[in-house]
């Protein structure tokens, strides 16, 4: 099996990375905290709204009003799927 750096072998050891349990646990913990940090920033609204956020803020009330005036059977704002792009 070829590794990234061309040496034979598999895993982190063949790539020259430390493989002690303490190093791996610390790496996983740091990765978890990094993901949690950025998720918290995004969910808290720490970033200023972009063009899409502003468009949503302006258009959702209009959509709700239009759906109220023009019922679509079982499709309501609350039951509609929301598209999420990451």
PDB file of N, CA and C in Angstrom:
ATOM      1  N   UNK A   1       0.851  -1.186   0.000  1.00  0.00           N
ATOM      2  CA  UNK A   1       0.000   0.000   0.000  1.00  0.00           C
ATOM      3  C   UNK A   1       0.890   1.239   0.000  1.00  0.00           C
ATOM      4  N   UNK A   2       0.608   2.196  -0.839  1.00  0.00           N
ATOM      5  CA  UNK A   2       1.381   3.431  -0.922  1.00  0.00           C
ATOM      6  C   UNK A   2       0.779   4.481   0.006  1.00  0.00           C
ATOM      7  N   UNK A   3       1.623   5.239   0.655  1.00  0.00           N
ATOM      8  CA  UNK A   3       1.146   6.331   1.489  1.00  0.00           C
ATOM      9  C   UNK A   3       1.286   7.637   0.713  1.00  0.00           C
ATOM     10  N   UNK A   4       0.906   8.697   1.332  1.00  0.00           N
ATOM     11  CA  UNK A   4       0.930   9.999   0.665  1.00  0.00           C
ATOM     12  C   UNK A   4       2.348  10.392   0.259  1.00  0.00           C
ATOM     13  N   UNK A   5       3.317  10.105   1.121  1.00  0.00           N
ATOM     14  CA  UNK A   5       4.677  10.530   0.822  1.00  0.00           C
ATOM     15  C   UNK A   5       5.466   9.495   0.016  1.00  0.00           C
ATOM     16  N   UNK A   6       4.805   8.442  -0.473  1.00  0.00           N
ATOM     17  CA  UNK A   6       5.444   7.468  -1.334  1.00  0.00           C
ATOM     18  C   UNK A   6       6.092   6.306  -0.607  1.00  0.00           C
ATOM     19  N   UNK A   7       6.138   6.343   0.730  1.00  0.00           N
ATOM     20  CA  UNK A   7       6.711   5.234   1.477  1.00  0.00           C
ATOM     21  C   UNK A   7       5.687   4.109   1.549  1.00  0.00           C
ATOM     22  N   UNK A   8       6.200   2.882   1.588  1.00  0.00           N
ATOM     23  CA  UNK A   8       5.265   1.766   1.718  1.00  0.00           C
ATOM     24  C   UNK A   8       4.794   1.682   3.154  1.00  0.00           C
ATOM     25  N   UNK A   9       3.638   1.107   3.345  1.00  0.00           N
ATOM     26  CA  UNK A   9       3.067   0.980   4.674  1.00  0.00           C
ATOM     27  C   UNK A   9       1.722   1.662   4.708  1.00  0.00           C
ATOM     28  N   UNK A  10       1.089   1.622   5.848  1.00  0.00           N
ATOM     29  CA  UNK A  10      -0.235   2.221   5.962  1.00  0.00           C
ATOM     30  C   UNK A  10      -0.305   3.071   7.219  1.00  0.00           C
ATOM     31  N   UNK A  11      -1.158   4.046   7.208  1.00  0.00           N
ATOM     32  CA  UNK A  11      -1.465   4.823   8.390  1.00  0.00           C
ATOM     33  C   UNK A  11      -0.533   5.978   8.637  1.00  0.00           C
ATOM     34  N   UNK A  12      -0.702   6.566   9.807  1.00  0.00           N
ATOM     35  CA  UNK A  12       0.050   7.761  10.168  1.00  0.00           C
ATOM     36  C   UNK A  12       1.532   7.491  10.365  1.00  0.00           C
ATOM     37  N   UNK A  13       1.879   6.314  10.899  1.00  0.00           N
ATOM     38  CA  UNK A  13       3.281   6.015  11.185  1.00  0.00           C
ATOM     39  C   UNK A  13       4.121   6.027   9.918  1.00  0.00           C
ATOM     40  N   UNK A  14       3.585   5.481   8.833  1.00  0.00           N
ATOM     41  CA  UNK A  14       4.351   5.452   7.586  1.00  0.00           C
ATOM     42  C   UNK A  14       4.515   6.844   6.990  1.00  0.00           C
ATOM     43  N   UNK A  15       3.674   7.768   7.380  1.00  0.00           N
ATOM     44  CA  UNK A  15       3.777   9.142   6.884  1.00  0.00           C
ATOM     45  C   UNK A  15       4.651  10.001   7.796  1.00  0.00           C
ATOM     46  N   UNK A  16       5.185   9.414   8.854  1.00  0.00           N
ATOM     47  CA  UNK A  16       6.057  10.155   9.748  1.00  0.00           C
ATOM     48  C   UNK A  16       5.351  10.862  10.888  1.00  0.00           C
ATOM     49  N   UNK A  17       4.070  10.597  11.095  1.00  0.00           N
ATOM     50  CA  UNK A  17       3.316  11.240  12.171  1.00  0.00           C
ATOM     51  C   UNK A  17       3.452  10.440  13.455  1.00  0.00           C
ATOM     52  N   UNK A  18       3.429  11.109  14.611  1.00  0.00           N
ATOM     53  CA  UNK A  18       3.429  10.381  15.881  1.00  0.00           C
ATOM     54  C   UNK A  18       2.136   9.569  16.009  1.00  0.00           C
ATOM     55  N   UNK A  19       2.241   8.407  16.594  1.00  0.00           N
ATOM     56  CA  UNK A  19       1.053   7.552  16.711  1.00  0.00           C
ATOM     57  C   UNK A  19       0.759   7.161  18.143  1.00  0.00           C
ATOM     58  N   UNK A  20       1.320   7.864  19.116  1.00  0.00           N
ATOM     59  CA  UNK A  20       1.045   7.520  20.510  1.00  0.00           C
ATOM     60  C   UNK A  20      -0.423   7.817  20.813  1.00  0.00           C
ATOM     61  N   UNK A  21      -1.015   7.053  21.728  1.00  0.00           N
ATOM     62  CA  UNK A  21      -2.420   7.299  22.096  1.00  0.00           C
ATOM     63  C   UNK A  21      -2.647   8.725  22.604  1.00  0.00           C
ATOM     64  N   UNK A  22      -1.663   9.272  23.332  1.00  0.00           N
ATOM     65  CA  UNK A  22      -1.825  10.634  23.860  1.00  0.00           C
ATOM     66  C   UNK A  22      -1.890  11.647  22.718  1.00  0.00           C
ATOM     67  N   UNK A  23      -1.033  11.465  21.697  1.00  0.00           N
ATOM     68  CA  UNK A  23      -1.048  12.384  20.558  1.00  0.00           C
ATOM     69  C   UNK A  23      -2.361  12.278  19.792  1.00  0.00           C
ATOM     70  N   UNK A  24      -2.805  11.054  19.561  1.00  0.00           N
ATOM     71  CA  UNK A  24      -4.046  10.866  18.804  1.00  0.00           C
ATOM     72  C   UNK A  24      -5.248  11.404  19.562  1.00  0.00           C
ATOM     73  N   UNK A  25      -5.292  11.195  20.882  1.00  0.00           N
ATOM     74  CA  UNK A  25      -6.393  11.731  21.680  1.00  0.00           C
ATOM     75  C   UNK A  25      -6.384  13.253  21.675  1.00  0.00           C
ATOM     76  N   UNK A  26      -5.201  13.849  21.798  1.00  0.00           N
ATOM     77  CA  UNK A  26      -5.103  15.311  21.784  1.00  0.00           C
ATOM     78  C   UNK A  26      -5.528  15.868  20.426  1.00  0.00           C
ATOM     79  N   UNK A  27      -5.141  15.182  19.351  1.00  0.00           N
ATOM     80  CA  UNK A  27      -5.509  15.625  18.010  1.00  0.00           C
ATOM     81  C   UNK A  27      -7.022  15.564  17.808  1.00  0.00           C
ATOM     82  N   UNK A  28      -7.636  14.478  18.248  1.00  0.00           N
ATOM     83  CA  UNK A  28      -9.091  14.338  18.113  1.00  0.00           C
ATOM     84  C   UNK A  28      -9.812  15.380  18.954  1.00  0.00           C
ATOM     85  N   UNK A  29      -9.311  15.640  20.153  1.00  0.00           N
ATOM     86  CA  UNK A  29      -9.931  16.635  21.025  1.00  0.00           C
ATOM     87  C   UNK A  29      -9.838  18.024  20.410  1.00  0.00           C
ATOM     88  N   UNK A  30      -8.676  18.366  19.871  1.00  0.00           N
ATOM     89  CA  UNK A  30      -8.499  19.666  19.229  1.00  0.00           C
ATOM     90  C   UNK A  30      -9.421  19.798  18.016  1.00  0.00           C
ATOM     91  N   UNK A  31      -9.544  18.744  17.222  1.00  0.00           N
ATOM     92  CA  UNK A  31     -10.433  18.771  16.064  1.00  0.00           C
ATOM     93  C   UNK A  31     -11.873  18.982  16.504  1.00  0.00           C
ATOM     94  N   UNK A  32     -12.282  18.299  17.564  1.00  0.00           N
ATOM     95  CA  UNK A  32     -13.651  18.436  18.068  1.00  0.00           C
ATOM     96  C   UNK A  32     -13.924  19.857  18.542  1.00  0.00           C
ATOM     97  N   UNK A  33     -12.965  20.441  19.271  1.00  0.00           N
ATOM     98  CA  UNK A  33     -13.150  21.814  19.743  1.00  0.00           C
ATOM     99  C   UNK A  33     -13.190  22.810  18.585  1.00  0.00           C
ATOM    100  N   UNK A  34     -12.406  22.571  17.560  1.00  0.00           N
ATOM    101  CA  UNK A  34     -12.403  23.462  16.399  1.00  0.00           C
ATOM    102  C   UNK A  34     -13.758  23.443  15.709  1.00  0.00           C
ATOM    103  N   UNK A  35     -14.291  22.259  15.488  1.00  0.00           N
ATOM    104  CA  UNK A  35     -15.607  22.134  14.853  1.00  0.00           C
ATOM    105  C   UNK A  35     -16.669  22.787  15.725  1.00  0.00           C
ATOM    106  N   UNK A  36     -16.635  22.534  17.017  1.00  0.00           N
ATOM    107  CA  UNK A  36     -17.602  23.121  17.944  1.00  0.00           C
ATOM    108  C   UNK A  36     -17.512  24.642  17.948  1.00  0.00           C
ATOM    109  N   UNK A  37     -16.298  25.178  17.915  1.00  0.00           N
ATOM    110  CA  UNK A  37     -16.100  26.625  17.916  1.00  0.00           C
ATOM    111  C   UNK A  37     -16.755  27.267  16.693  1.00  0.00           C
ATOM    112  N   UNK A  38     -16.478  26.724  15.499  1.00  0.00           N
ATOM    113  CA  UNK A  38     -17.045  27.321  14.287  1.00  0.00           C
ATOM    114  C   UNK A  38     -18.548  27.103  14.192  1.00  0.00           C
ATOM    115  N   UNK A  39     -19.037  25.983  14.679  1.00  0.00           N
ATOM    116  CA  UNK A  39     -20.488  25.751  14.694  1.00  0.00           C
ATOM    117  C   UNK A  39     -21.173  26.744  15.619  1.00  0.00           C
ATOM    118  N   UNK A  40     -20.540  27.038  16.752  1.00  0.00           N
ATOM    119  CA  UNK A  40     -21.108  28.006  17.691  1.00  0.00           C
ATOM    120  C   UNK A  40     -21.135  29.404  17.082  1.00  0.00           C
ATOM    121  N   UNK A  41     -20.063  29.788  16.397  1.00  0.00           N
ATOM    122  CA  UNK A  41     -20.049  31.096  15.746  1.00  0.00           C
ATOM    123  C   UNK A  41     -21.162  31.213  14.711  1.00  0.00           C
ATOM    124  N   UNK A  42     -21.326  30.189  13.909  1.00  0.00           N
ATOM    125  CA  UNK A  42     -22.335  30.229  12.848  1.00  0.00           C
ATOM    126  C   UNK A  42     -23.735  30.271  13.429  1.00  0.00           C
ATOM    127  N   UNK A  43     -24.006  29.451  14.446  1.00  0.00           N
ATOM    128  CA  UNK A  43     -25.359  29.404  15.006  1.00  0.00           C
ATOM    129  C   UNK A  43     -25.691  30.645  15.823  1.00  0.00           C
ATOM    130  N   UNK A  44     -24.682  31.307  16.354  1.00  0.00           N
ATOM    131  CA  UNK A  44     -24.915  32.504  17.159  1.00  0.00           C
ATOM    132  C   UNK A  44     -25.076  33.751  16.301  1.00  0.00           C
ATOM    133  N   UNK A  45     -24.921  33.603  14.991  1.00  0.00           N
ATOM    134  CA  UNK A  45     -25.026  34.765  14.129  1.00  0.00           C
ATOM    135  C   UNK A  45     -23.829  35.678  14.269  1.00  0.00           C
ATOM    136  N   UNK A  46     -22.683  35.110  14.585  1.00  0.00           N
ATOM    137  CA  UNK A  46     -21.484  35.913  14.792  1.00  0.00           C
ATOM    138  C   UNK A  46     -20.962  36.513  13.488  1.00  0.00           C
ATOM    139  N   UNK A  47     -21.364  35.933  12.387  1.00  0.00           N
ATOM    140  CA  UNK A  47     -20.945  36.460  11.089  1.00  0.00           C
ATOM    141  C   UNK A  47     -22.021  37.417  10.577  1.00  0.00           C
ATOM    142  N   UNK A  48     -21.629  38.491   9.918  1.00  0.00           N
ATOM    143  CA  UNK A  48     -22.648  39.411   9.382  1.00  0.00           C
ATOM    144  C   UNK A  48     -23.461  38.718   8.288  1.00  0.00           C
ATOM    145  N   UNK A  49     -24.726  39.087   8.159  1.00  0.00           N
ATOM    146  CA  UNK A  49     -25.554  38.452   7.128  1.00  0.00           C
ATOM    147  C   UNK A  49     -25.035  38.786   5.730  1.00  0.00           C
ATOM    148  N   UNK A  50     -25.077  37.795   4.860  1.00  0.00           N
ATOM    149  CA  UNK A  50     -24.671  38.028   3.474  1.00  0.00           C
ATOM    150  C   UNK A  50     -25.912  38.299   2.629  1.00  0.00           C
ATOM    151  N   UNK A  51     -25.757  38.382   1.338  1.00  0.00           N
ATOM    152  CA  UNK A  51     -26.852  38.722   0.426  1.00  0.00           C
ATOM    153  C   UNK A  51     -27.995  37.706   0.530  1.00  0.00           C
ATOM    154  N   UNK A  52     -27.648  36.430   0.646  1.00  0.00           N
ATOM    155  CA  UNK A  52     -28.675  35.391   0.732  1.00  0.00           C
ATOM    156  C   UNK A  52     -29.454  35.510   2.037  1.00  0.00           C
ATOM    157  N   UNK A  53     -28.768  35.785   3.149  1.00  0.00           N
ATOM    158  CA  UNK A  53     -29.447  35.960   4.431  1.00  0.00           C
ATOM    159  C   UNK A  53     -30.417  37.141   4.378  1.00  0.00           C
ATOM    160  N   UNK A  54     -29.983  38.224   3.792  1.00  0.00           N
ATOM    161  CA  UNK A  54     -30.833  39.424   3.691  1.00  0.00           C
ATOM    162  C   UNK A  54     -32.048  39.144   2.808  1.00  0.00           C
ATOM    163  N   UNK A  55     -31.834  38.452   1.698  1.00  0.00           N
ATOM    164  CA  UNK A  55     -32.937  38.080   0.811  1.00  0.00           C
ATOM    165  C   UNK A  55     -33.949  37.212   1.545  1.00  0.00           C
ATOM    166  N   UNK A  56     -33.458  36.253   2.351  1.00  0.00           N
ATOM    167  CA  UNK A  56     -34.362  35.397   3.112  1.00  0.00           C
ATOM    168  C   UNK A  56     -35.164  36.209   4.121  1.00  0.00           C
ATOM    169  N   UNK A  57     -34.502  37.125   4.825  1.00  0.00           N
ATOM    170  CA  UNK A  57     -35.193  37.931   5.827  1.00  0.00           C
ATOM    171  C   UNK A  57     -36.299  38.771   5.210  1.00  0.00           C
ATOM    172  N   UNK A  58     -36.089  39.242   3.982  1.00  0.00           N
ATOM    173  CA  UNK A  58     -37.084  40.074   3.314  1.00  0.00           C
ATOM    174  C   UNK A  58     -38.196  39.252   2.673  1.00  0.00           C
ATOM    175  N   UNK A  59     -37.856  38.051   2.181  1.00  0.00           N
ATOM    176  CA  UNK A  59     -38.822  37.307   1.375  1.00  0.00           C
ATOM    177  C   UNK A  59     -39.688  36.329   2.165  1.00  0.00           C
ATOM    178  N   UNK A  60     -39.228  35.800   3.278  1.00  0.00           N
ATOM    179  CA  UNK A  60     -40.010  34.810   4.020  1.00  0.00           C
ATOM    180  C   UNK A  60     -41.349  35.386   4.495  1.00  0.00           C
ATOM    181  N   UNK A  61     -41.405  36.585   5.048  1.00  0.00           N
ATOM    182  CA  UNK A  61     -42.722  37.127   5.423  1.00  0.00           C
ATOM    183  C   UNK A  61     -43.663  37.258   4.219  1.00  0.00           C
ATOM    184  N   UNK A  62     -43.123  37.637   3.056  1.00  0.00           N
ATOM    185  CA  UNK A  62     -43.948  37.736   1.851  1.00  0.00           C
ATOM    186  C   UNK A  62     -44.451  36.369   1.423  1.00  0.00           C
ATOM    187  N   UNK A  63     -43.595  35.340   1.525  1.00  0.00           N
ATOM    188  CA  UNK A  63     -44.006  33.979   1.179  1.00  0.00           C
ATOM    189  C   UNK A  63     -45.110  33.488   2.107  1.00  0.00           C
ATOM    190  N   UNK A  64     -44.957  33.737   3.396  1.00  0.00           N
ATOM    191  CA  UNK A  64     -45.982  33.314   4.359  1.00  0.00           C
ATOM    192  C   UNK A  64     -47.319  33.991   4.065  1.00  0.00           C
ATOM    193  N   UNK A  65     -47.286  35.275   3.752  1.00  0.00           N
ATOM    194  CA  UNK A  65     -48.516  36.001   3.420  1.00  0.00           C
ATOM    195  C   UNK A  65     -49.147  35.451   2.155  1.00  0.00           C
ATOM    196  N   UNK A  66     -48.330  35.169   1.129  1.00  0.00           N
ATOM    197  CA  UNK A  66     -48.853  34.638  -0.130  1.00  0.00           C
ATOM    198  C   UNK A  66     -49.478  33.255   0.089  1.00  0.00           C
ATOM    199  N   UNK A  67     -48.831  32.414   0.873  1.00  0.00           N
ATOM    200  CA  UNK A  67     -49.378  31.089   1.152  1.00  0.00           C
ATOM    201  C   UNK A  67     -50.676  31.172   1.953  1.00  0.00           C
ATOM    202  N   UNK A  68     -50.765  32.169   2.820  1.00  0.00           N
ATOM    203  CA  UNK A  68     -52.008  32.349   3.577  1.00  0.00           C
ATOM    204  C   UNK A  68     -53.163  32.703   2.643  1.00  0.00           C
ATOM    205  N   UNK A  69     -52.891  33.559   1.654  1.00  0.00           N
ATOM    206  CA  UNK A  69     -53.921  33.980   0.706  1.00  0.00           C
ATOM    207  C   UNK A  69     -54.192  32.940  -0.374  1.00  0.00           C
ATOM    208  N   UNK A  70     -53.209  32.103  -0.677  1.00  0.00           N
ATOM    209  CA  UNK A  70     -53.336  31.097  -1.736  1.00  0.00           C
ATOM    210  C   UNK A  70     -52.972  29.714  -1.187  1.00  0.00           C
ATOM    211  N   UNK A  71     -53.882  29.072  -0.463  1.00  0.00           N
ATOM    212  CA  UNK A  71     -53.583  27.765   0.129  1.00  0.00           C
ATOM    213  C   UNK A  71     -53.147  26.752  -0.939  1.00  0.00           C
ATOM    214  N   UNK A  72     -52.184  25.912  -0.580  1.00  0.00           N
ATOM    215  CA  UNK A  72     -51.631  24.925  -1.509  1.00  0.00           C
ATOM    216  C   UNK A  72     -51.919  23.494  -1.051  1.00  0.00           C
ATOM    217  N   UNK A  73     -53.086  23.247  -0.508  1.00  0.00           N
ATOM    218  CA  UNK A  73     -53.401  21.906  -0.024  1.00  0.00           C
ATOM    219  C   UNK A  73     -52.602  21.584   1.227  1.00  0.00           C
ATOM    220  N   UNK A  74     -51.863  20.504   1.169  1.00  0.00           N
ATOM    221  CA  UNK A  74     -51.077  20.079   2.331  1.00  0.00           C
ATOM    222  C   UNK A  74     -49.736  20.802   2.442  1.00  0.00           C
ATOM    223  N   UNK A  75     -49.355  21.563   1.452  1.00  0.00           N
ATOM    224  CA  UNK A  75     -48.065  22.239   1.471  1.00  0.00           C
ATOM    225  C   UNK A  75     -48.193  23.586   2.175  1.00  0.00           C
ATOM    226  N   UNK A  76     -47.515  23.710   3.274  1.00  0.00           N
ATOM    227  CA  UNK A  76     -47.475  24.973   4.010  1.00  0.00           C
ATOM    228  C   UNK A  76     -46.018  25.360   4.232  1.00  0.00           C
ATOM    229  N   UNK A  77     -45.809  26.537   4.724  1.00  0.00           N
ATOM    230  CA  UNK A  77     -44.439  26.963   5.024  1.00  0.00           C
ATOM    231  C   UNK A  77     -43.814  26.033   6.063  1.00  0.00           C
ATOM    232  N   UNK A  78     -44.606  25.643   7.035  1.00  0.00           N
ATOM    233  CA  UNK A  78     -44.096  24.796   8.109  1.00  0.00           C
ATOM    234  C   UNK A  78     -43.764  23.383   7.631  1.00  0.00           C
ATOM    235  N   UNK A  79     -44.466  22.870   6.611  1.00  0.00           N
ATOM    236  CA  UNK A  79     -44.225  21.504   6.150  1.00  0.00           C
ATOM    237  C   UNK A  79     -43.287  21.437   4.957  1.00  0.00           C
ATOM    238  N   UNK A  80     -42.930  22.572   4.400  1.00  0.00           N
ATOM    239  CA  UNK A  80     -42.040  22.579   3.235  1.00  0.00           C
ATOM    240  C   UNK A  80     -40.614  22.231   3.654  1.00  0.00           C
ATOM    241  N   UNK A  81     -39.886  21.585   2.768  1.00  0.00           N
ATOM    242  CA  UNK A  81     -38.474  21.265   3.035  1.00  0.00           C
ATOM    243  C   UNK A  81     -37.649  22.524   2.854  1.00  0.00           C
ATOM    244  N   UNK A  82     -36.653  22.666   3.673  1.00  0.00           N
ATOM    245  CA  UNK A  82     -35.779  23.841   3.587  1.00  0.00           C
ATOM    246  C   UNK A  82     -34.450  23.419   2.983  1.00  0.00           C
ATOM    247  N   UNK A  83     -34.054  24.066   1.933  1.00  0.00           N
ATOM    248  CA  UNK A  83     -32.790  23.737   1.277  1.00  0.00           C
ATOM    249  C   UNK A  83     -31.645  24.378   2.046  1.00  0.00           C
ATOM    250  N   UNK A  84     -30.657  23.550   2.373  1.00  0.00           N
ATOM    251  CA  UNK A  84     -29.485  24.061   3.092  1.00  0.00           C
ATOM    252  C   UNK A  84     -28.255  23.808   2.262  1.00  0.00           C
ATOM    253  N   UNK A  85     -27.475  24.849   2.055  1.00  0.00           N
ATOM    254  CA  UNK A  85     -26.215  24.717   1.334  1.00  0.00           C
ATOM    255  C   UNK A  85     -25.103  25.095   2.292  1.00  0.00           C
ATOM    256  N   UNK A  86     -24.121  24.232   2.391  1.00  0.00           N
ATOM    257  CA  UNK A  86     -23.050  24.443   3.358  1.00  0.00           C
ATOM    258  C   UNK A  86     -21.847  24.954   2.680  1.00  0.00           C
TER     259      UNK A  86
END
